[in-house]
PDB file of all heavy atoms in Angstrom:
ATOM      1  N   LEU A   1     186.726 166.616 135.157  1.00  0.00           N
ATOM      2  CA  LEU A   1     188.008 166.350 135.791  1.00  0.00           C
ATOM      3  C   LEU A   1     189.035 165.869 134.783  1.00  0.00           C
ATOM      4  O   LEU A   1     190.203 166.210 134.851  1.00  0.00           O
ATOM      5  CB  LEU A   1     187.807 165.260 136.902  1.00  0.00           C
ATOM      6  CG  LEU A   1     186.982 165.669 138.078  1.00  0.00           C
ATOM      7  CD1 LEU A   1     186.769 164.516 139.027  1.00  0.00           C
ATOM      8  CD2 LEU A   1     187.636 166.853 138.845  1.00  0.00           C
ATOM      9  N   ILE A   2     188.580 165.038 133.787  1.00  0.00           N
ATOM     10  CA  ILE A   2     189.527 164.609 132.757  1.00  0.00           C
ATOM     11  C   ILE A   2     190.053 165.792 131.958  1.00  0.00           C
ATOM     12  O   ILE A   2     191.256 165.868 131.674  1.00  0.00           O
ATOM     13  CB  ILE A   2     188.823 163.613 131.838  1.00  0.00           C
ATOM     14  CG1 ILE A   2     188.652 162.239 132.550  1.00  0.00           C
ATOM     15  CG2 ILE A   2     189.628 163.403 130.512  1.00  0.00           C
ATOM     16  CD1 ILE A   2     187.782 161.214 131.799  1.00  0.00           C
ATOM     17  N   LEU A   3     189.157 166.706 131.600  1.00  0.00           N
ATOM     18  CA  LEU A   3     189.564 167.882 130.828  1.00  0.00           C
ATOM     19  C   LEU A   3     190.547 168.783 131.631  1.00  0.00           C
ATOM     20  O   LEU A   3     191.526 169.310 131.060  1.00  0.00           O
ATOM     21  CB  LEU A   3     188.369 168.707 130.411  1.00  0.00           C
ATOM     22  CG  LEU A   3     187.489 168.102 129.306  1.00  0.00           C
ATOM     23  CD1 LEU A   3     186.201 168.915 129.084  1.00  0.00           C
ATOM     24  CD2 LEU A   3     188.268 168.005 127.989  1.00  0.00           C
ATOM     25  N   LYS A   4     190.302 168.897 132.912  1.00  0.00           N
ATOM     26  CA  LYS A   4     191.225 169.640 133.775  1.00  0.00           C
ATOM     27  C   LYS A   4     192.549 168.998 133.840  1.00  0.00           C
ATOM     28  O   LYS A   4     193.638 169.672 133.786  1.00  0.00           O
ATOM     29  CB  LYS A   4     190.675 169.774 135.236  1.00  0.00           C
ATOM     30  CG  LYS A   4     189.502 170.761 135.346  1.00  0.00           C
ATOM     31  CD  LYS A   4     189.074 170.917 136.823  1.00  0.00           C
ATOM     32  CE  LYS A   4     188.006 171.921 136.966  1.00  0.00           C
ATOM     33  NZ  LYS A   4     187.523 172.076 138.340  1.00  0.00           N
ATOM     34  N   THR A   5     192.618 167.655 133.890  1.00  0.00           N
ATOM     35  CA  THR A   5     193.847 166.915 133.916  1.00  0.00           C
ATOM     36  C   THR A   5     194.585 167.072 132.586  1.00  0.00           C
ATOM     37  O   THR A   5     195.801 167.295 132.567  1.00  0.00           O
ATOM     38  CB  THR A   5     193.632 165.412 134.212  1.00  0.00           C
ATOM     39  OG1 THR A   5     192.903 165.283 135.406  1.00  0.00           O
ATOM     40  CG2 THR A   5     194.919 164.657 134.291  1.00  0.00           C
ATOM     41  N   VAL A   6     193.822 166.958 131.479  1.00  0.00           N
ATOM     42  CA  VAL A   6     194.494 167.067 130.155  1.00  0.00           C
ATOM     43  C   VAL A   6     195.021 168.459 129.934  1.00  0.00           C
ATOM     44  O   VAL A   6     196.090 168.616 129.346  1.00  0.00           O
ATOM     45  CB  VAL A   6     193.441 166.739 129.078  1.00  0.00           C
ATOM     46  CG1 VAL A   6     193.993 167.094 127.653  1.00  0.00           C
ATOM     47  CG2 VAL A   6     193.041 165.244 129.114  1.00  0.00           C
ATOM     48  N   ARG A   7     194.396 169.497 130.490  1.00  0.00           N
ATOM     49  CA  ARG A   7     194.890 170.881 130.340  1.00  0.00           C
ATOM     50  C   ARG A   7     196.240 171.060 130.978  1.00  0.00           C
ATOM     51  O   ARG A   7     197.034 171.896 130.567  1.00  0.00           O
ATOM     52  CB  ARG A   7     193.905 171.875 130.938  1.00  0.00           C
ATOM     53  CG  ARG A   7     192.653 172.129 130.077  1.00  0.00           C
ATOM     54  CD  ARG A   7     191.722 173.124 130.688  1.00  0.00           C
ATOM     55  NE  ARG A   7     192.385 174.435 130.848  1.00  0.00           N
ATOM     56  CZ  ARG A   7     191.868 175.475 131.478  1.00  0.00           C
ATOM     57  NH1 ARG A   7     190.665 175.319 132.056  1.00  0.00           N
ATOM     58  NH2 ARG A   7     192.501 176.609 131.598  1.00  0.00           N
ATOM     59  N   GLY A   8     196.517 170.228 132.028  1.00  0.00           N
ATOM     60  CA  GLY A   8     197.784 170.335 132.747  1.00  0.00           C
ATOM     61  C   GLY A   8     198.923 169.598 132.046  1.00  0.00           C
ATOM     62  O   GLY A   8     200.089 169.682 132.475  1.00  0.00           O
ATOM     63  N   ILE A   9     198.600 168.864 130.957  1.00  0.00           N
ATOM     64  CA  ILE A   9     199.682 168.129 130.238  1.00  0.00           C
ATOM     65  C   ILE A   9     200.379 169.117 129.320  1.00  0.00           C
ATOM     66  O   ILE A   9     199.758 169.859 128.578  1.00  0.00           O
ATOM     67  CB  ILE A   9     199.059 166.987 129.387  1.00  0.00           C
ATOM     68  CG1 ILE A   9     198.364 165.948 130.278  1.00  0.00           C
ATOM     69  CG2 ILE A   9     200.113 166.310 128.515  1.00  0.00           C
ATOM     70  CD1 ILE A   9     197.625 164.877 129.562  1.00  0.00           C
ATOM     71  N   ALA A  10     201.711 169.112 129.389  1.00  0.00           N
ATOM     72  CA  ALA A  10     202.502 170.136 128.672  1.00  0.00           C
ATOM     73  C   ALA A  10     202.492 169.891 127.136  1.00  0.00           C
ATOM     74  O   ALA A  10     202.343 170.807 126.384  1.00  0.00           O
ATOM     75  CB  ALA A  10     203.927 170.138 129.193  1.00  0.00           C
ATOM     76  N   SER A  11     202.701 168.648 126.774  1.00  0.00           N
ATOM     77  CA  SER A  11     202.843 168.334 125.350  1.00  0.00           C
ATOM     78  C   SER A  11     201.450 168.321 124.651  1.00  0.00           C
ATOM     79  O   SER A  11     200.503 167.690 125.106  1.00  0.00           O
ATOM     80  CB  SER A  11     203.479 166.937 125.180  1.00  0.00           C
ATOM     81  OG  SER A  11     203.376 166.484 123.868  1.00  0.00           O
ATOM     82  N   GLY A  12     201.344 169.030 123.510  1.00  0.00           N
ATOM     83  CA  GLY A  12     200.160 169.039 122.747  1.00  0.00           C
ATOM     84  C   GLY A  12     199.805 167.697 122.155  1.00  0.00           C
ATOM     85  O   GLY A  12     198.671 167.334 122.040  1.00  0.00           O
ATOM     86  N   GLU A  13     200.865 166.964 121.778  1.00  0.00           N
ATOM     87  CA  GLU A  13     200.648 165.603 121.254  1.00  0.00           C
ATOM     88  C   GLU A  13     200.096 164.651 122.305  1.00  0.00           C
ATOM     89  O   GLU A  13     199.171 163.857 121.982  1.00  0.00           O
ATOM     90  CB  GLU A  13     202.003 165.035 120.737  1.00  0.00           C
ATOM     91  CG  GLU A  13     201.883 163.726 120.054  1.00  0.00           C
ATOM     92  CD  GLU A  13     203.225 163.180 119.535  1.00  0.00           C
ATOM     93  OE1 GLU A  13     204.179 163.989 119.428  1.00  0.00           O
ATOM     94  OE2 GLU A  13     203.295 161.984 119.242  1.00  0.00           O
ATOM     95  N   GLU A  14     200.593 164.809 123.557  1.00  0.00           N
ATOM     96  CA  GLU A  14     200.086 163.978 124.603  1.00  0.00           C
ATOM     97  C   GLU A  14     198.628 164.328 124.961  1.00  0.00           C
ATOM     98  O   GLU A  14     197.788 163.427 125.297  1.00  0.00           O
ATOM     99  CB  GLU A  14     200.936 164.112 125.852  1.00  0.00           C
ATOM    100  CG  GLU A  14     202.321 163.483 125.699  1.00  0.00           C
ATOM    101  CD  GLU A  14     202.207 161.943 125.515  1.00  0.00           C
ATOM    102  OE1 GLU A  14     201.409 161.345 126.246  1.00  0.00           O
ATOM    103  OE2 GLU A  14     202.976 161.435 124.713  1.00  0.00           O
ATOM    104  N   LYS A  15     198.326 165.655 124.874  1.00  0.00           N
ATOM    105  CA  LYS A  15     196.903 166.048 125.085  1.00  0.00           C
ATOM    106  C   LYS A  15     196.017 165.389 124.054  1.00  0.00           C
ATOM    107  O   LYS A  15     194.914 164.887 124.434  1.00  0.00           O
ATOM    108  CB  LYS A  15     196.821 167.577 124.977  1.00  0.00           C
ATOM    109  CG  LYS A  15     197.351 168.368 126.175  1.00  0.00           C
ATOM    110  CD  LYS A  15     197.106 169.849 125.928  1.00  0.00           C
ATOM    111  CE  LYS A  15     197.651 170.664 127.075  1.00  0.00           C
ATOM    112  NZ  LYS A  15     197.473 172.136 126.869  1.00  0.00           N
ATOM    113  N   ALA A  16     196.377 165.476 122.813  1.00  0.00           N
ATOM    114  CA  ALA A  16     195.527 164.893 121.750  1.00  0.00           C
ATOM    115  C   ALA A  16     195.386 163.370 121.939  1.00  0.00           C
ATOM    116  O   ALA A  16     194.314 162.858 121.741  1.00  0.00           O
ATOM    117  CB  ALA A  16     196.162 165.227 120.377  1.00  0.00           C
ATOM    118  N   LYS A  17     196.490 162.722 122.292  1.00  0.00           N
ATOM    119  CA  LYS A  17     196.451 161.277 122.495  1.00  0.00           C
ATOM    120  C   LYS A  17     195.518 160.938 123.664  1.00  0.00           C
ATOM    121  O   LYS A  17     194.743 159.945 123.573  1.00  0.00           O
ATOM    122  CB  LYS A  17     197.876 160.774 122.788  1.00  0.00           C
ATOM    123  CG  LYS A  17     197.964 159.279 122.890  1.00  0.00           C
ATOM    124  CD  LYS A  17     199.388 158.824 123.121  1.00  0.00           C
ATOM    125  CE  LYS A  17     199.473 157.305 123.251  1.00  0.00           C
ATOM    126  NZ  LYS A  17     200.895 156.866 123.515  1.00  0.00           N
ATOM    127  N   ALA A  18     195.570 161.696 124.749  1.00  0.00           N
ATOM    128  CA  ALA A  18     194.722 161.446 125.899  1.00  0.00           C
ATOM    129  C   ALA A  18     193.280 161.591 125.533  1.00  0.00           C
ATOM    130  O   ALA A  18     192.401 160.780 125.921  1.00  0.00           O
ATOM    131  CB  ALA A  18     195.104 162.331 127.083  1.00  0.00           C
ATOM    132  N   LEU A  19     192.915 162.688 124.864  1.00  0.00           N
ATOM    133  CA  LEU A  19     191.553 162.944 124.528  1.00  0.00           C
ATOM    134  C   LEU A  19     191.029 161.955 123.506  1.00  0.00           C
ATOM    135  O   LEU A  19     189.844 161.608 123.493  1.00  0.00           O
ATOM    136  CB  LEU A  19     191.410 164.386 123.956  1.00  0.00           C
ATOM    137  CG  LEU A  19     191.541 165.474 125.030  1.00  0.00           C
ATOM    138  CD1 LEU A  19     191.490 166.849 124.336  1.00  0.00           C
ATOM    139  CD2 LEU A  19     190.372 165.406 126.056  1.00  0.00           C
ATOM    140  N   ASN A  20     191.922 161.521 122.613  1.00  0.00           N
ATOM    141  CA  ASN A  20     191.519 160.626 121.532  1.00  0.00           C
ATOM    142  C   ASN A  20     191.001 159.277 122.116  1.00  0.00           C
ATOM    143  O   ASN A  20     190.147 158.630 121.532  1.00  0.00           O
ATOM    144  CB  ASN A  20     192.687 160.339 120.590  1.00  0.00           C
ATOM    145  CG  ASN A  20     192.230 159.668 119.290  1.00  0.00           C
ATOM    146  OD1 ASN A  20     191.296 160.103 118.648  1.00  0.00           O
ATOM    147  ND2 ASN A  20     192.862 158.532 118.971  1.00  0.00           N
ATOM    148  N   THR A  21     191.573 158.869 123.269  1.00  0.00           N
ATOM    149  CA  THR A  21     191.129 157.615 123.895  1.00  0.00           C
ATOM    150  C   THR A  21     189.697 157.758 124.472  1.00  0.00           C
ATOM    151  O   THR A  21     189.071 156.697 124.743  1.00  0.00           O
ATOM    152  CB  THR A  21     192.079 157.194 125.044  1.00  0.00           C
ATOM    153  OG1 THR A  21     192.053 158.200 126.077  1.00  0.00           O
ATOM    154  CG2 THR A  21     193.508 157.025 124.549  1.00  0.00           C
ATOM    155  N   CYS A  22     189.197 159.003 124.601  1.00  0.00           N
ATOM    156  CA  CYS A  22     187.873 159.186 125.194  1.00  0.00           C
ATOM    157  C   CYS A  22     186.775 159.429 124.116  1.00  0.00           C
ATOM    158  O   CYS A  22     185.615 159.398 124.417  1.00  0.00           O
ATOM    159  CB  CYS A  22     187.885 160.404 126.113  1.00  0.00           C
ATOM    160  SG  CYS A  22     189.040 160.248 127.487  1.00  0.00           S
ATOM    161  N   ILE A  23     187.218 159.737 122.882  1.00  0.00           N
ATOM    162  CA  ILE A  23     186.224 160.136 121.851  1.00  0.00           C
ATOM    163  C   ILE A  23     185.183 159.092 121.617  1.00  0.00           C
ATOM    164  O   ILE A  23     183.955 159.388 121.541  1.00  0.00           O
ATOM    165  CB  ILE A  23     186.970 160.526 120.539  1.00  0.00           C
ATOM    166  CG1 ILE A  23     187.742 161.836 120.781  1.00  0.00           C
ATOM    167  CG2 ILE A  23     185.951 160.671 119.445  1.00  0.00           C
ATOM    168  CD1 ILE A  23     188.555 162.238 119.557  1.00  0.00           C
ATOM    169  N   SER A  24     185.584 157.854 121.480  1.00  0.00           N
ATOM    170  CA  SER A  24     184.632 156.738 121.224  1.00  0.00           C
ATOM    171  C   SER A  24     183.607 156.637 122.334  1.00  0.00           C
ATOM    172  O   SER A  24     182.401 156.490 122.060  1.00  0.00           O
ATOM    173  CB  SER A  24     185.392 155.434 121.006  1.00  0.00           C
ATOM    174  OG  SER A  24     186.259 155.510 119.952  1.00  0.00           O
ATOM    175  N   HIS A  25     184.119 156.655 123.555  1.00  0.00           N
ATOM    176  CA  HIS A  25     183.201 156.558 124.740  1.00  0.00           C
ATOM    177  C   HIS A  25     182.251 157.738 124.814  1.00  0.00           C
ATOM    178  O   HIS A  25     181.039 157.569 125.038  1.00  0.00           O
ATOM    179  CB  HIS A  25     184.024 156.487 125.995  1.00  0.00           C
ATOM    180  CG  HIS A  25     183.166 156.426 127.241  1.00  0.00           C
ATOM    181  ND1 HIS A  25     183.051 157.448 128.124  1.00  0.00           N
ATOM    182  CD2 HIS A  25     182.356 155.408 127.710  1.00  0.00           C
ATOM    183  CE1 HIS A  25     182.236 157.105 129.125  1.00  0.00           C
ATOM    184  NE2 HIS A  25     181.788 155.871 128.855  1.00  0.00           N
ATOM    185  N   ILE A  26     182.753 158.955 124.537  1.00  0.00           N
ATOM    186  CA  ILE A  26     181.884 160.125 124.533  1.00  0.00           C
ATOM    187  C   ILE A  26     180.760 159.990 123.492  1.00  0.00           C
ATOM    188  O   ILE A  26     179.595 160.337 123.741  1.00  0.00           O
ATOM    189  CB  ILE A  26     182.707 161.429 124.270  1.00  0.00           C
ATOM    190  CG1 ILE A  26     183.644 161.705 125.426  1.00  0.00           C
ATOM    191  CG2 ILE A  26     181.756 162.644 124.055  1.00  0.00           C
ATOM    192  CD1 ILE A  26     184.617 162.823 125.207  1.00  0.00           C
ATOM    193  N   GLY A  27     181.118 159.497 122.292  1.00  0.00           N
ATOM    194  CA  GLY A  27     180.101 159.295 121.259  1.00  0.00           C
ATOM    195  C   GLY A  27     179.009 158.344 121.729  1.00  0.00           C
ATOM    196  O   GLY A  27     177.804 158.593 121.530  1.00  0.00           O
ATOM    197  N   CYS A  28     179.433 157.208 122.308  1.00  0.00           N
ATOM    198  CA  CYS A  28     178.442 156.232 122.777  1.00  0.00           C
ATOM    199  C   CYS A  28     177.560 156.781 123.890  1.00  0.00           C
ATOM    200  O   CYS A  28     176.354 156.552 124.000  1.00  0.00           O
ATOM    201  CB  CYS A  28     179.131 154.992 123.282  1.00  0.00           C
ATOM    202  SG  CYS A  28     179.990 154.046 121.992  1.00  0.00           S
TER     203      CYS A  28
END
C-alpha cells in the first residue's frame, strides 16, 4: 500500500524522500 501511494506522488524528489524514511525499517 505504501508503494502504491508513493507511485501516485508526482514529484520524484518527494517519492525518494518518502521511500527514504522506510529504508531503515525495511532493513530491520
